[in-house]
């Protein structure tokens, strides 16, 4: 596995591991009997750990996607400088890989946002 793929997978795993904390905290808010307790926990800052996990997860996913696409484009520029006749094929492969990386990062950010509003 390439370096940029490892970084992207690591960011997705971190986002998935950190975001369920907010879901567990937000489930208490749905039950009307726990509203007062939820308000007390919110004032003490206990609920902010979930929001912190979501923020870190979404940020890492965005950073991982950016680093992955940057490394990919740098490799394609280097390869096309070495073999200019392969530039068309390399660009096609690069755009497909960049779309997959961007889709993975966007999926991680959407999962974090869903955990925030659930």
N, C-alpha and C. Protein backbone atom coordinates (compact mmCIF):
# COMPACT_ATOMS: atom_id res chain seq x y z
N UNK A 1 0.84 -1.17 0.00
CA UNK A 1 0.00 0.00 0.00
C UNK A 1 0.89 1.24 0.00
N UNK A 2 0.52 2.24 -0.78
CA UNK A 2 1.31 3.46 -0.88
C UNK A 2 1.18 4.29 0.39
N UNK A 3 2.07 5.26 0.49
CA UNK A 3 2.09 6.11 1.68
C UNK A 3 0.81 6.93 1.80
N UNK A 4 0.32 7.50 0.69
CA UNK A 4 -0.89 8.32 0.77
C UNK A 4 -2.12 7.47 1.09
N UNK A 5 -2.14 6.23 0.65
CA UNK A 5 -3.27 5.36 0.98
C UNK A 5 -3.25 5.01 2.47
N UNK A 6 -2.07 4.80 3.03
CA UNK A 6 -1.97 4.52 4.46
C UNK A 6 -2.44 5.71 5.29
N UNK A 7 -2.07 6.91 4.86
CA UNK A 7 -2.49 8.11 5.59
C UNK A 7 -3.99 8.28 5.52
N UNK A 8 -4.58 8.08 4.36
CA UNK A 8 -6.03 8.21 4.21
C UNK A 8 -6.77 7.18 5.04
N UNK A 9 -6.31 5.93 5.02
CA UNK A 9 -6.97 4.89 5.80
C UNK A 9 -6.83 5.17 7.29
N UNK A 10 -5.68 5.64 7.73
CA UNK A 10 -5.48 5.97 9.13
C UNK A 10 -6.41 7.09 9.58
N UNK A 11 -6.59 8.10 8.75
CA UNK A 11 -7.50 9.20 9.10
C UNK A 11 -8.94 8.73 9.17
N UNK A 12 -9.35 7.84 8.28
CA UNK A 12 -10.70 7.32 8.31
C UNK A 12 -10.92 6.49 9.57
N UNK A 13 -9.96 5.67 9.92
CA UNK A 13 -10.09 4.85 11.13
C UNK A 13 -10.17 5.72 12.37
N UNK A 14 -9.35 6.76 12.43
CA UNK A 14 -9.40 7.66 13.59
C UNK A 14 -10.75 8.36 13.66
N UNK A 15 -11.27 8.79 12.51
CA UNK A 15 -12.58 9.45 12.50
C UNK A 15 -13.67 8.50 12.96
N UNK A 16 -13.61 7.25 12.53
CA UNK A 16 -14.64 6.28 12.91
C UNK A 16 -14.52 5.93 14.39
N UNK A 17 -13.30 5.88 14.92
CA UNK A 17 -13.12 5.53 16.33
C UNK A 17 -13.54 6.68 17.24
N UNK A 18 -13.24 7.92 16.86
CA UNK A 18 -13.54 9.05 17.73
C UNK A 18 -14.98 9.51 17.68
N UNK A 19 -15.68 9.32 16.58
CA UNK A 19 -17.02 9.87 16.46
C UNK A 19 -18.10 9.16 17.26
N UNK A 20 -18.04 7.86 17.59
CA UNK A 20 -19.13 7.27 18.37
C UNK A 20 -19.28 7.83 19.77
N UNK A 21 -18.28 8.48 20.31
CA UNK A 21 -18.41 9.08 21.63
C UNK A 21 -19.51 10.13 21.64
N UNK A 22 -19.60 10.90 20.58
CA UNK A 22 -20.64 11.91 20.52
C UNK A 22 -22.01 11.29 20.33
N UNK A 23 -22.08 10.17 19.62
CA UNK A 23 -23.37 9.49 19.45
C UNK A 23 -23.88 8.98 20.78
N UNK A 24 -22.99 8.42 21.59
CA UNK A 24 -23.40 7.93 22.90
C UNK A 24 -23.86 9.08 23.79
N UNK A 25 -23.18 10.21 23.69
CA UNK A 25 -23.59 11.36 24.49
C UNK A 25 -24.89 11.96 23.97
N UNK A 26 -25.09 11.96 22.67
CA UNK A 26 -26.29 12.56 22.10
C UNK A 26 -27.52 11.69 22.30
N UNK A 27 -27.38 10.38 22.48
CA UNK A 27 -28.54 9.52 22.68
C UNK A 27 -29.23 9.83 23.99
N UNK A 28 -28.50 10.28 24.99
CA UNK A 28 -29.12 10.65 26.25
C UNK A 28 -30.03 11.86 26.09
N UNK A 29 -29.73 12.73 25.14
CA UNK A 29 -30.51 13.94 24.96
C UNK A 29 -31.88 13.65 24.36
N UNK A 30 -32.05 12.50 23.71
CA UNK A 30 -33.33 12.18 23.09
C UNK A 30 -34.37 11.81 24.14
N UNK A 31 -33.96 11.17 25.20
CA UNK A 31 -34.87 10.74 26.25
C UNK A 31 -35.28 11.95 27.10
N UNK A 32 -36.59 12.25 27.19
CA UNK A 32 -37.01 13.44 27.95
C UNK A 32 -36.69 13.35 29.44
N UNK A 33 -36.60 12.14 29.98
CA UNK A 33 -36.33 12.00 31.40
C UNK A 33 -34.90 12.39 31.76
N UNK A 34 -34.02 12.43 30.78
CA UNK A 34 -32.61 12.70 31.04
C UNK A 34 -32.24 14.13 30.66
N UNK A 35 -33.20 14.96 30.28
CA UNK A 35 -32.90 16.31 29.82
C UNK A 35 -32.19 17.14 30.86
N UNK A 36 -32.64 17.06 32.12
CA UNK A 36 -31.99 17.87 33.17
C UNK A 36 -30.56 17.39 33.42
N UNK A 37 -30.39 16.08 33.42
CA UNK A 37 -29.04 15.54 33.61
C UNK A 37 -28.13 15.93 32.45
N UNK A 38 -28.70 15.90 31.23
CA UNK A 38 -27.94 16.29 30.05
C UNK A 38 -27.50 17.75 30.13
N UNK A 39 -28.43 18.61 30.61
CA UNK A 39 -28.09 20.03 30.74
C UNK A 39 -26.98 20.22 31.78
N UNK A 40 -27.01 19.43 32.85
CA UNK A 40 -25.96 19.53 33.87
C UNK A 40 -24.63 19.05 33.31
N UNK A 41 -24.65 17.97 32.53
CA UNK A 41 -23.40 17.47 31.94
C UNK A 41 -22.86 18.45 30.91
N UNK A 42 -23.77 19.08 30.18
CA UNK A 42 -23.32 20.05 29.17
C UNK A 42 -22.65 21.24 29.84
N UNK A 43 -23.19 21.67 30.98
CA UNK A 43 -22.59 22.82 31.64
C UNK A 43 -21.23 22.48 32.25
N UNK A 44 -21.02 21.22 32.59
CA UNK A 44 -19.72 20.83 33.14
C UNK A 44 -18.69 20.54 32.05
N UNK A 45 -19.11 20.45 30.81
CA UNK A 45 -18.18 20.21 29.72
C UNK A 45 -18.01 18.75 29.38
N UNK A 46 -18.81 17.87 29.99
CA UNK A 46 -18.67 16.45 29.73
C UNK A 46 -19.08 16.10 28.30
N UNK A 47 -20.07 16.81 27.76
CA UNK A 47 -20.56 16.53 26.42
C UNK A 47 -19.62 17.05 25.34
N UNK A 48 -18.71 17.93 25.70
CA UNK A 48 -17.84 18.52 24.68
C UNK A 48 -16.79 17.55 24.17
N UNK A 49 -16.55 16.43 24.89
CA UNK A 49 -15.60 15.44 24.39
C UNK A 49 -16.08 14.82 23.09
N UNK A 50 -17.39 14.62 22.95
CA UNK A 50 -17.93 14.09 21.71
C UNK A 50 -17.72 15.06 20.56
N UNK A 51 -17.98 16.34 20.81
CA UNK A 51 -17.77 17.34 19.78
C UNK A 51 -16.30 17.47 19.43
N UNK A 52 -15.45 17.30 20.41
CA UNK A 52 -14.01 17.34 20.16
C UNK A 52 -13.59 16.15 19.29
N UNK A 53 -14.14 14.98 19.56
CA UNK A 53 -13.83 13.81 18.74
C UNK A 53 -14.28 13.97 17.31
N UNK A 54 -15.47 14.54 17.13
CA UNK A 54 -15.98 14.76 15.78
C UNK A 54 -15.11 15.78 15.05
N UNK A 55 -14.73 16.83 15.74
CA UNK A 55 -13.89 17.85 15.10
C UNK A 55 -12.53 17.30 14.71
N UNK A 56 -11.93 16.54 15.59
CA UNK A 56 -10.62 15.96 15.28
C UNK A 56 -10.74 14.96 14.14
N UNK A 57 -11.79 14.14 14.17
CA UNK A 57 -11.98 13.15 13.10
C UNK A 57 -12.19 13.78 11.74
N UNK A 58 -13.03 14.82 11.69
CA UNK A 58 -13.28 15.49 10.41
C UNK A 58 -12.03 16.21 9.93
N UNK A 59 -11.31 16.82 10.85
CA UNK A 59 -10.07 17.51 10.46
C UNK A 59 -9.01 16.55 9.94
N UNK A 60 -8.86 15.41 10.61
CA UNK A 60 -7.90 14.42 10.15
C UNK A 60 -8.29 13.83 8.80
N UNK A 61 -9.58 13.65 8.58
CA UNK A 61 -10.03 13.13 7.29
C UNK A 61 -9.72 14.13 6.18
N UNK A 62 -9.96 15.41 6.44
CA UNK A 62 -9.66 16.43 5.43
C UNK A 62 -8.16 16.54 5.18
N UNK A 63 -7.38 16.50 6.25
CA UNK A 63 -5.93 16.58 6.10
C UNK A 63 -5.40 15.35 5.36
N UNK A 64 -5.92 14.18 5.71
CA UNK A 64 -5.48 12.95 5.04
C UNK A 64 -5.79 12.95 3.56
N UNK A 65 -6.99 13.43 3.20
CA UNK A 65 -7.33 13.53 1.78
C UNK A 65 -6.44 14.51 1.04
N UNK A 66 -6.15 15.65 1.67
CA UNK A 66 -5.29 16.64 1.03
C UNK A 66 -3.86 16.14 0.86
N UNK A 67 -3.36 15.47 1.88
CA UNK A 67 -2.00 14.92 1.79
C UNK A 67 -1.95 13.82 0.73
N UNK A 68 -2.97 12.98 0.70
CA UNK A 68 -3.01 11.90 -0.29
C UNK A 68 -3.04 12.41 -1.72
N UNK A 69 -3.88 13.39 -1.98
CA UNK A 69 -3.95 13.95 -3.33
C UNK A 69 -2.67 14.70 -3.68
N UNK A 70 -2.07 15.37 -2.71
CA UNK A 70 -0.81 16.06 -2.95
C UNK A 70 0.32 15.11 -3.32
N UNK A 71 0.42 14.01 -2.58
CA UNK A 71 1.44 13.01 -2.89
C UNK A 71 1.18 12.35 -4.24
N UNK A 72 -0.08 12.12 -4.53
CA UNK A 72 -0.44 11.51 -5.82
C UNK A 72 -0.06 12.42 -6.98
N UNK A 73 -0.41 13.69 -6.88
CA UNK A 73 -0.09 14.61 -7.98
C UNK A 73 1.42 14.82 -8.11
N UNK A 74 2.14 14.83 -7.00
CA UNK A 74 3.60 14.96 -7.07
C UNK A 74 4.22 13.76 -7.77
N UNK A 75 3.68 12.57 -7.49
CA UNK A 75 4.20 11.37 -8.16
C UNK A 75 3.90 11.39 -9.65
N UNK A 76 2.73 11.89 -10.02
CA UNK A 76 2.38 11.93 -11.45
C UNK A 76 3.23 12.95 -12.19
N UNK A 77 3.50 14.09 -11.56
CA UNK A 77 4.37 15.09 -12.20
C UNK A 77 5.78 14.53 -12.38
N UNK A 78 6.27 13.83 -11.37
CA UNK A 78 7.59 13.22 -11.46
C UNK A 78 7.63 12.15 -12.56
N UNK A 79 6.60 11.32 -12.61
CA UNK A 79 6.57 10.26 -13.62
C UNK A 79 6.41 10.82 -15.03
N UNK A 80 5.60 11.87 -15.18
CA UNK A 80 5.43 12.45 -16.52
C UNK A 80 6.68 13.21 -16.96
N UNK A 81 7.49 13.69 -16.03
CA UNK A 81 8.76 14.33 -16.39
C UNK A 81 9.76 13.28 -16.87
N UNK A 82 9.66 12.07 -16.32
CA UNK A 82 10.57 11.01 -16.74
C UNK A 82 10.15 10.39 -18.07
N UNK A 83 8.83 10.22 -18.26
CA UNK A 83 8.33 9.65 -19.50
C UNK A 83 7.18 10.51 -20.03
N UNK A 84 7.48 11.52 -20.82
CA UNK A 84 6.43 12.44 -21.30
C UNK A 84 5.40 11.76 -22.20
N UNK A 85 5.75 10.66 -22.84
CA UNK A 85 4.80 9.99 -23.74
C UNK A 85 3.68 9.29 -22.95
N UNK A 86 3.86 9.07 -21.68
CA UNK A 86 2.85 8.40 -20.84
C UNK A 86 1.97 9.39 -20.08
N UNK A 87 2.08 10.67 -20.38
CA UNK A 87 1.39 11.69 -19.59
C UNK A 87 -0.13 11.53 -19.65
N UNK A 88 -0.68 11.19 -20.78
CA UNK A 88 -2.13 11.03 -20.89
C UNK A 88 -2.67 9.91 -20.01
N UNK A 89 -2.00 8.77 -20.04
CA UNK A 89 -2.43 7.65 -19.20
C UNK A 89 -2.24 7.96 -17.72
N UNK A 90 -1.13 8.63 -17.41
CA UNK A 90 -0.89 8.96 -16.01
C UNK A 90 -1.93 9.93 -15.46
N UNK A 91 -2.31 10.91 -16.27
CA UNK A 91 -3.32 11.85 -15.81
C UNK A 91 -4.67 11.18 -15.61
N UNK A 92 -5.01 10.25 -16.49
CA UNK A 92 -6.27 9.52 -16.33
C UNK A 92 -6.27 8.73 -15.03
N UNK A 93 -5.19 8.03 -14.79
CA UNK A 93 -5.08 7.25 -13.55
C UNK A 93 -5.08 8.18 -12.34
N UNK A 94 -4.43 9.33 -12.45
CA UNK A 94 -4.38 10.26 -11.34
C UNK A 94 -5.76 10.80 -11.00
N UNK A 95 -6.54 11.16 -12.02
CA UNK A 95 -7.87 11.70 -11.74
C UNK A 95 -8.79 10.66 -11.12
N UNK A 96 -8.67 9.42 -11.54
CA UNK A 96 -9.48 8.36 -10.93
C UNK A 96 -9.08 8.16 -9.48
N UNK A 97 -7.78 8.09 -9.21
CA UNK A 97 -7.31 7.91 -7.84
C UNK A 97 -7.64 9.11 -6.96
N UNK A 98 -7.52 10.31 -7.51
CA UNK A 98 -7.86 11.50 -6.74
C UNK A 98 -9.35 11.54 -6.39
N UNK A 99 -10.19 11.10 -7.32
CA UNK A 99 -11.62 11.05 -7.03
C UNK A 99 -11.93 10.04 -5.93
N UNK A 100 -11.24 8.90 -5.95
CA UNK A 100 -11.45 7.90 -4.90
C UNK A 100 -10.96 8.41 -3.53
N UNK A 101 -9.83 9.09 -3.52
CA UNK A 101 -9.32 9.63 -2.26
C UNK A 101 -10.25 10.71 -1.73
N UNK A 102 -10.69 11.58 -2.62
CA UNK A 102 -11.59 12.66 -2.21
C UNK A 102 -12.93 12.10 -1.73
N UNK A 103 -13.42 11.06 -2.39
CA UNK A 103 -14.66 10.43 -1.95
C UNK A 103 -14.54 9.80 -0.58
N UNK A 104 -13.40 9.18 -0.30
CA UNK A 104 -13.17 8.57 1.00
C UNK A 104 -13.10 9.64 2.09
N UNK A 105 -12.42 10.73 1.83
CA UNK A 105 -12.34 11.82 2.81
C UNK A 105 -13.70 12.47 3.02
N UNK A 106 -14.45 12.66 1.95
CA UNK A 106 -15.78 13.25 2.07
C UNK A 106 -16.72 12.32 2.85
N UNK A 107 -16.60 11.02 2.63
CA UNK A 107 -17.40 10.06 3.38
C UNK A 107 -17.09 10.14 4.87
N UNK A 108 -15.83 10.26 5.22
CA UNK A 108 -15.46 10.37 6.63
C UNK A 108 -16.01 11.65 7.25
N UNK A 109 -15.96 12.74 6.51
CA UNK A 109 -16.49 14.00 7.04
C UNK A 109 -18.01 13.93 7.20
N UNK A 110 -18.69 13.29 6.26
CA UNK A 110 -20.14 13.14 6.36
C UNK A 110 -20.50 12.26 7.55
N UNK A 111 -19.73 11.20 7.79
CA UNK A 111 -19.99 10.34 8.96
C UNK A 111 -19.81 11.15 10.24
N UNK A 112 -18.80 11.99 10.30
CA UNK A 112 -18.61 12.84 11.48
C UNK A 112 -19.76 13.82 11.66
N UNK A 113 -20.23 14.40 10.57
CA UNK A 113 -21.36 15.33 10.67
C UNK A 113 -22.65 14.62 11.08
N UNK A 114 -22.86 13.42 10.57
CA UNK A 114 -24.03 12.66 10.98
C UNK A 114 -23.99 12.32 12.46
N UNK A 115 -22.81 11.98 12.94
CA UNK A 115 -22.68 11.70 14.37
C UNK A 115 -22.91 12.96 15.20
N UNK A 116 -22.61 14.11 14.66
CA UNK A 116 -22.82 15.37 15.37
C UNK A 116 -24.31 15.67 15.53
N UNK A 117 -25.09 15.40 14.50
CA UNK A 117 -26.50 15.77 14.52
C UNK A 117 -27.44 14.64 14.92
N UNK A 118 -26.90 13.48 15.26
CA UNK A 118 -27.77 12.37 15.67
C UNK A 118 -27.98 12.38 17.16
